[in-house]
């Protein structure tokens, strides 16, 4: 899955960077030789990093039920 459309950074790349010590999207993207562009991906990228590092998610999952 693509996390950052601007830089074409995948979730697996963000997870790998987190396992190598990246604590923020900025650090994870730098591991790929990229910088943050539009910033729309930052919350999700941080959530992926936190999950990989064993921290609770700050995002909540929204579901809908069909009637």
PDB file of N, CA and C in Angstrom:
ATOM      1  N   UNK A   1       0.851  -1.178   0.000  1.00  0.00           N
ATOM      2  CA  UNK A   1       0.000   0.000   0.000  1.00  0.00           C
ATOM      3  C   UNK A   1       0.896   1.241   0.000  1.00  0.00           C
ATOM      4  N   UNK A   2       0.500   2.225  -0.764  1.00  0.00           N
ATOM      5  CA  UNK A   2       1.232   3.491  -0.809  1.00  0.00           C
ATOM      6  C   UNK A   2       0.817   4.361   0.374  1.00  0.00           C
ATOM      7  N   UNK A   3       1.791   4.849   1.118  1.00  0.00           N
ATOM      8  CA  UNK A   3       1.534   5.773   2.229  1.00  0.00           C
ATOM      9  C   UNK A   3       1.636   7.206   1.724  1.00  0.00           C
ATOM     10  N   UNK A   4       2.682   7.486   0.986  1.00  0.00           N
ATOM     11  CA  UNK A   4       2.927   8.839   0.474  1.00  0.00           C
ATOM     12  C   UNK A   4       2.849   8.823  -1.047  1.00  0.00           C
ATOM     13  N   UNK A   5       1.800   9.440  -1.563  1.00  0.00           N
ATOM     14  CA  UNK A   5       1.605   9.476  -3.008  1.00  0.00           C
ATOM     15  C   UNK A   5       2.675  10.348  -3.675  1.00  0.00           C
ATOM     16  N   UNK A   6       2.986  11.480  -3.070  1.00  0.00           N
ATOM     17  CA  UNK A   6       3.953  12.414  -3.666  1.00  0.00           C
ATOM     18  C   UNK A   6       5.311  11.756  -3.907  1.00  0.00           C
ATOM     19  N   UNK A   7       5.757  10.948  -2.939  1.00  0.00           N
ATOM     20  CA  UNK A   7       7.072  10.318  -3.020  1.00  0.00           C
ATOM     21  C   UNK A   7       7.021   8.833  -3.366  1.00  0.00           C
ATOM     22  N   UNK A   8       5.805   8.290  -3.527  1.00  0.00           N
ATOM     23  CA  UNK A   8       5.612   6.854  -3.789  1.00  0.00           C
ATOM     24  C   UNK A   8       6.316   5.994  -2.748  1.00  0.00           C
ATOM     25  N   UNK A   9       6.095   6.322  -1.488  1.00  0.00           N
ATOM     26  CA  UNK A   9       6.663   5.557  -0.377  1.00  0.00           C
ATOM     27  C   UNK A   9       5.597   4.581   0.110  1.00  0.00           C
ATOM     28  N   UNK A  10       5.996   3.323   0.233  1.00  0.00           N
ATOM     29  CA  UNK A  10       5.052   2.287   0.627  1.00  0.00           C
ATOM     30  C   UNK A  10       5.031   2.087   2.139  1.00  0.00           C
ATOM     31  N   UNK A  11       3.974   1.425   2.584  1.00  0.00           N
ATOM     32  CA  UNK A  11       3.856   1.108   4.001  1.00  0.00           C
ATOM     33  C   UNK A  11       5.024   0.237   4.456  1.00  0.00           C
ATOM     34  N   UNK A  12       5.425  -0.717   3.639  1.00  0.00           N
ATOM     35  CA  UNK A  12       6.534  -1.586   4.037  1.00  0.00           C
ATOM     36  C   UNK A  12       7.844  -0.798   4.166  1.00  0.00           C
ATOM     37  N   UNK A  13       8.028   0.219   3.339  1.00  0.00           N
ATOM     38  CA  UNK A  13       9.221   1.059   3.453  1.00  0.00           C
ATOM     39  C   UNK A  13       9.191   1.883   4.739  1.00  0.00           C
ATOM     40  N   UNK A  14       8.013   2.380   5.100  1.00  0.00           N
ATOM     41  CA  UNK A  14       7.880   3.136   6.352  1.00  0.00           C
ATOM     42  C   UNK A  14       8.125   2.212   7.538  1.00  0.00           C
ATOM     43  N   UNK A  15       7.574   1.007   7.490  1.00  0.00           N
ATOM     44  CA  UNK A  15       7.788   0.039   8.574  1.00  0.00           C
ATOM     45  C   UNK A  15       9.266  -0.324   8.721  1.00  0.00           C
ATOM     46  N   UNK A  16       9.931  -0.542   7.608  1.00  0.00           N
ATOM     47  CA  UNK A  16      11.362  -0.870   7.647  1.00  0.00           C
ATOM     48  C   UNK A  16      12.153   0.272   8.275  1.00  0.00           C
ATOM     49  N   UNK A  17      11.834   1.510   7.892  1.00  0.00           N
ATOM     50  CA  UNK A  17      12.521   2.670   8.465  1.00  0.00           C
ATOM     51  C   UNK A  17      12.277   2.757   9.968  1.00  0.00           C
ATOM     52  N   UNK A  18      11.046   2.459  10.400  1.00  0.00           N
ATOM     53  CA  UNK A  18      10.728   2.481  11.838  1.00  0.00           C
ATOM     54  C   UNK A  18      11.533   1.422  12.582  1.00  0.00           C
ATOM     55  N   UNK A  19      11.667   0.239  11.990  1.00  0.00           N
ATOM     56  CA  UNK A  19      12.467  -0.818  12.621  1.00  0.00           C
ATOM     57  C   UNK A  19      13.934  -0.427  12.701  1.00  0.00           C
ATOM     58  N   UNK A  20      14.376   0.441  11.784  1.00  0.00           N
ATOM     59  CA  UNK A  20      15.768   0.909  11.783  1.00  0.00           C
ATOM     60  C   UNK A  20      15.968   2.151  12.655  1.00  0.00           C
ATOM     61  N   UNK A  21      14.889   2.599  13.332  1.00  0.00           N
ATOM     62  CA  UNK A  21      15.040   3.693  14.281  1.00  0.00           C
ATOM     63  C   UNK A  21      14.295   4.972  13.974  1.00  0.00           C
ATOM     64  N   UNK A  22      13.667   5.079  12.804  1.00  0.00           N
ATOM     65  CA  UNK A  22      12.925   6.303  12.474  1.00  0.00           C
ATOM     66  C   UNK A  22      11.736   6.450  13.418  1.00  0.00           C
ATOM     67  N   UNK A  23      11.597   7.631  14.003  1.00  0.00           N
ATOM     68  CA  UNK A  23      10.512   7.901  14.947  1.00  0.00           C
ATOM     69  C   UNK A  23       9.449   8.822  14.361  1.00  0.00           C
ATOM     70  N   UNK A  24       9.738   9.442  13.239  1.00  0.00           N
ATOM     71  CA  UNK A  24       8.820  10.394  12.619  1.00  0.00           C
ATOM     72  C   UNK A  24       8.752  10.127  11.122  1.00  0.00           C
ATOM     73  N   UNK A  25       7.690  10.596  10.468  1.00  0.00           N
ATOM     74  CA  UNK A  25       7.644  10.467   9.007  1.00  0.00           C
ATOM     75  C   UNK A  25       8.835  11.144   8.332  1.00  0.00           C
ATOM     76  N   UNK A  26       9.265  12.280   8.854  1.00  0.00           N
ATOM     77  CA  UNK A  26      10.413  12.967   8.274  1.00  0.00           C
ATOM     78  C   UNK A  26      11.632  12.065   8.242  1.00  0.00           C
ATOM     79  N   UNK A  27      11.880  11.361   9.346  1.00  0.00           N
ATOM     80  CA  UNK A  27      13.023  10.450   9.422  1.00  0.00           C
ATOM     81  C   UNK A  27      12.829   9.251   8.502  1.00  0.00           C
ATOM     82  N   UNK A  28      11.615   8.723   8.460  1.00  0.00           N
ATOM     83  CA  UNK A  28      11.325   7.567   7.605  1.00  0.00           C
ATOM     84  C   UNK A  28      11.494   7.931   6.133  1.00  0.00           C
ATOM     85  N   UNK A  29      11.005   9.100   5.745  1.00  0.00           N
ATOM     86  CA  UNK A  29      11.109   9.524   4.354  1.00  0.00           C
ATOM     87  C   UNK A  29      12.557   9.800   3.984  1.00  0.00           C
ATOM     88  N   UNK A  30      13.326  10.350   4.913  1.00  0.00           N
ATOM     89  CA  UNK A  30      14.743  10.616   4.660  1.00  0.00           C
ATOM     90  C   UNK A  30      15.488   9.314   4.369  1.00  0.00           C
ATOM     91  N   UNK A  31      15.068   8.219   4.997  1.00  0.00           N
ATOM     92  CA  UNK A  31      15.676   6.912   4.714  1.00  0.00           C
ATOM     93  C   UNK A  31      15.486   6.516   3.258  1.00  0.00           C
ATOM     94  N   UNK A  32      14.449   7.062   2.619  1.00  0.00           N
ATOM     95  CA  UNK A  32      14.169   6.782   1.209  1.00  0.00           C
ATOM     96  C   UNK A  32      14.738   7.870   0.299  1.00  0.00           C
ATOM     97  N   UNK A  33      15.447   8.829   0.899  1.00  0.00           N
ATOM     98  CA  UNK A  33      16.016   9.919   0.116  1.00  0.00           C
ATOM     99  C   UNK A  33      14.985  10.958  -0.291  1.00  0.00           C
ATOM    100  N   UNK A  34      13.898  11.053   0.497  1.00  0.00           N
ATOM    101  CA  UNK A  34      12.795  11.958   0.168  1.00  0.00           C
ATOM    102  C   UNK A  34      12.536  12.946   1.297  1.00  0.00           C
ATOM    103  N   UNK A  35      11.771  13.962   0.967  1.00  0.00           N
ATOM    104  CA  UNK A  35      11.290  14.930   1.946  1.00  0.00           C
ATOM    105  C   UNK A  35       9.776  14.985   1.857  1.00  0.00           C
ATOM    106  N   UNK A  36       9.139  15.454   2.916  1.00  0.00           N
ATOM    107  CA  UNK A  36       7.691  15.612   2.928  1.00  0.00           C
ATOM    108  C   UNK A  36       7.308  16.655   1.889  1.00  0.00           C
ATOM    109  N   UNK A  37       6.273  16.357   1.131  1.00  0.00           N
ATOM    110  CA  UNK A  37       5.793  17.282   0.102  1.00  0.00           C
ATOM    111  C   UNK A  37       4.504  17.964   0.583  1.00  0.00           C
ATOM    112  N   UNK A  38       3.353  17.359   0.344  1.00  0.00           N
ATOM    113  CA  UNK A  38       2.077  18.018   0.672  1.00  0.00           C
ATOM    114  C   UNK A  38       1.660  17.814   2.125  1.00  0.00           C
ATOM    115  N   UNK A  39       2.113  16.741   2.767  1.00  0.00           N
ATOM    116  CA  UNK A  39       1.816  16.507   4.173  1.00  0.00           C
ATOM    117  C   UNK A  39       0.538  15.742   4.457  1.00  0.00           C
ATOM    118  N   UNK A  40      -0.230  15.397   3.433  1.00  0.00           N
ATOM    119  CA  UNK A  40      -1.487  14.673   3.658  1.00  0.00           C
ATOM    120  C   UNK A  40      -1.276  13.288   4.269  1.00  0.00           C
ATOM    121  N   UNK A  41      -0.121  12.726   4.110  1.00  0.00           N
ATOM    122  CA  UNK A  41       0.165  11.366   4.567  1.00  0.00           C
ATOM    123  C   UNK A  41       0.721  11.292   5.985  1.00  0.00           C
ATOM    124  N   UNK A  42       1.008  12.418   6.600  1.00  0.00           N
ATOM    125  CA  UNK A  42       1.768  12.405   7.849  1.00  0.00           C
ATOM    126  C   UNK A  42       1.084  11.651   8.988  1.00  0.00           C
ATOM    127  N   UNK A  43      -0.223  11.834   9.156  1.00  0.00           N
ATOM    128  CA  UNK A  43      -0.917  11.125  10.240  1.00  0.00           C
ATOM    129  C   UNK A  43      -0.840   9.619  10.043  1.00  0.00           C
ATOM    130  N   UNK A  44      -1.099   9.167   8.820  1.00  0.00           N
ATOM    131  CA  UNK A  44      -1.057   7.732   8.563  1.00  0.00           C
ATOM    132  C   UNK A  44       0.369   7.197   8.689  1.00  0.00           C
ATOM    133  N   UNK A  45       1.332   7.913   8.164  1.00  0.00           N
ATOM    134  CA  UNK A  45       2.726   7.476   8.274  1.00  0.00           C
ATOM    135  C   UNK A  45       3.144   7.372   9.737  1.00  0.00           C
ATOM    136  N   UNK A  46       2.747   8.349  10.551  1.00  0.00           N
ATOM    137  CA  UNK A  46       3.086   8.310  11.975  1.00  0.00           C
ATOM    138  C   UNK A  46       2.413   7.124  12.657  1.00  0.00           C
ATOM    139  N   UNK A  47       1.175   6.833  12.265  1.00  0.00           N
ATOM    140  CA  UNK A  47       0.463   5.696  12.828  1.00  0.00           C
ATOM    141  C   UNK A  47       1.177   4.390  12.498  1.00  0.00           C
ATOM    142  N   UNK A  48       1.651   4.249  11.277  1.00  0.00           N
ATOM    143  CA  UNK A  48       2.386   3.060  10.866  1.00  0.00           C
ATOM    144  C   UNK A  48       3.678   2.942  11.683  1.00  0.00           C
ATOM    145  N   UNK A  49       4.374   4.039  11.847  1.00  0.00           N
ATOM    146  CA  UNK A  49       5.616   4.049  12.628  1.00  0.00           C
ATOM    147  C   UNK A  49       5.333   3.657  14.074  1.00  0.00           C
ATOM    148  N   UNK A  50       4.322   4.270  14.658  1.00  0.00           N
ATOM    149  CA  UNK A  50       3.976   3.961  16.051  1.00  0.00           C
ATOM    150  C   UNK A  50       3.599   2.496  16.214  1.00  0.00           C
ATOM    151  N   UNK A  51       2.825   1.972  15.273  1.00  0.00           N
ATOM    152  CA  UNK A  51       2.435   0.560  15.332  1.00  0.00           C
ATOM    153  C   UNK A  51       3.663  -0.337  15.267  1.00  0.00           C
ATOM    154  N   UNK A  52       4.563  -0.026  14.378  1.00  0.00           N
ATOM    155  CA  UNK A  52       5.778  -0.834  14.221  1.00  0.00           C
ATOM    156  C   UNK A  52       6.655  -0.760  15.471  1.00  0.00           C
ATOM    157  N   UNK A  53       6.647   0.369  16.134  1.00  0.00           N
ATOM    158  CA  UNK A  53       7.457   0.562  17.338  1.00  0.00           C
ATOM    159  C   UNK A  53       6.719   0.145  18.601  1.00  0.00           C
ATOM    160  N   UNK A  54       5.482  -0.380  18.461  1.00  0.00           N
ATOM    161  CA  UNK A  54       4.745  -0.901  19.604  1.00  0.00           C
ATOM    162  C   UNK A  54       3.996   0.139  20.409  1.00  0.00           C
ATOM    163  N   UNK A  55       3.727   1.287  19.807  1.00  0.00           N
ATOM    164  CA  UNK A  55       2.979   2.336  20.498  1.00  0.00           C
ATOM    165  C   UNK A  55       1.527   2.277  20.060  1.00  0.00           C
ATOM    166  N   UNK A  56       0.590   2.680  20.945  1.00  0.00           N
ATOM    167  CA  UNK A  56      -0.819   2.678  20.557  1.00  0.00           C
ATOM    168  C   UNK A  56      -1.105   3.698  19.460  1.00  0.00           C
ATOM    169  N   UNK A  57      -2.057   3.361  18.616  1.00  0.00           N
ATOM    170  CA  UNK A  57      -2.443   4.231  17.510  1.00  0.00           C
ATOM    171  C   UNK A  57      -3.148   5.476  18.013  1.00  0.00           C
ATOM    172  N   UNK A  58      -2.880   6.615  17.373  1.00  0.00           N
ATOM    173  CA  UNK A  58      -3.583   7.843  17.724  1.00  0.00           C
ATOM    174  C   UNK A  58      -4.752   8.090  16.781  1.00  0.00           C
ATOM    175  N   UNK A  59      -4.874   7.256  15.742  1.00  0.00           N
ATOM    176  CA  UNK A  59      -5.983   7.379  14.806  1.00  0.00           C
ATOM    177  C   UNK A  59      -7.057   6.367  15.169  1.00  0.00           C
ATOM    178  N   UNK A  60      -8.308   6.722  14.947  1.00  0.00           N
ATOM    179  CA  UNK A  60      -9.383   5.776  15.225  1.00  0.00           C
ATOM    180  C   UNK A  60      -9.966   5.280  13.913  1.00  0.00           C
ATOM    181  N   UNK A  61     -10.336   4.027  13.912  1.00  0.00           N
ATOM    182  CA  UNK A  61     -10.918   3.416  12.734  1.00  0.00           C
ATOM    183  C   UNK A  61     -12.404   3.734  12.698  1.00  0.00           C
ATOM    184  N   UNK A  62     -12.865   4.187  11.574  1.00  0.00           N
ATOM    185  CA  UNK A  62     -14.277   4.517  11.422  1.00  0.00           C
ATOM    186  C   UNK A  62     -14.907   3.457  10.543  1.00  0.00           C
ATOM    187  N   UNK A  63     -15.982   2.873  11.024  1.00  0.00           N
ATOM    188  CA  UNK A  63     -16.697   1.890  10.237  1.00  0.00           C
ATOM    189  C   UNK A  63     -18.138   2.328  10.080  1.00  0.00           C
ATOM    190  N   UNK A  64     -18.757   1.837   9.054  1.00  0.00           N
ATOM    191  CA  UNK A  64     -20.173   2.139   8.858  1.00  0.00           C
ATOM    192  C   UNK A  64     -20.912   0.828   8.684  1.00  0.00           C
ATOM    193  N   UNK A  65     -22.145   0.844   9.062  1.00  0.00           N
ATOM    194  CA  UNK A  65     -22.982  -0.344   8.927  1.00  0.00           C
ATOM    195  C   UNK A  65     -24.094  -0.049   7.928  1.00  0.00           C
ATOM    196  N   UNK A  66     -24.284  -0.976   7.050  1.00  0.00           N
ATOM    197  CA  UNK A  66     -25.397  -0.831   6.092  1.00  0.00           C
ATOM    198  C   UNK A  66     -26.685  -1.254   6.792  1.00  0.00           C
ATOM    199  N   UNK A  67     -27.749  -0.523   6.546  1.00  0.00           N
ATOM    200  CA  UNK A  67     -29.030  -0.828   7.191  1.00  0.00           C
ATOM    201  C   UNK A  67     -29.740  -1.969   6.529  1.00  0.00           C
TER     202      UNK A  67
END
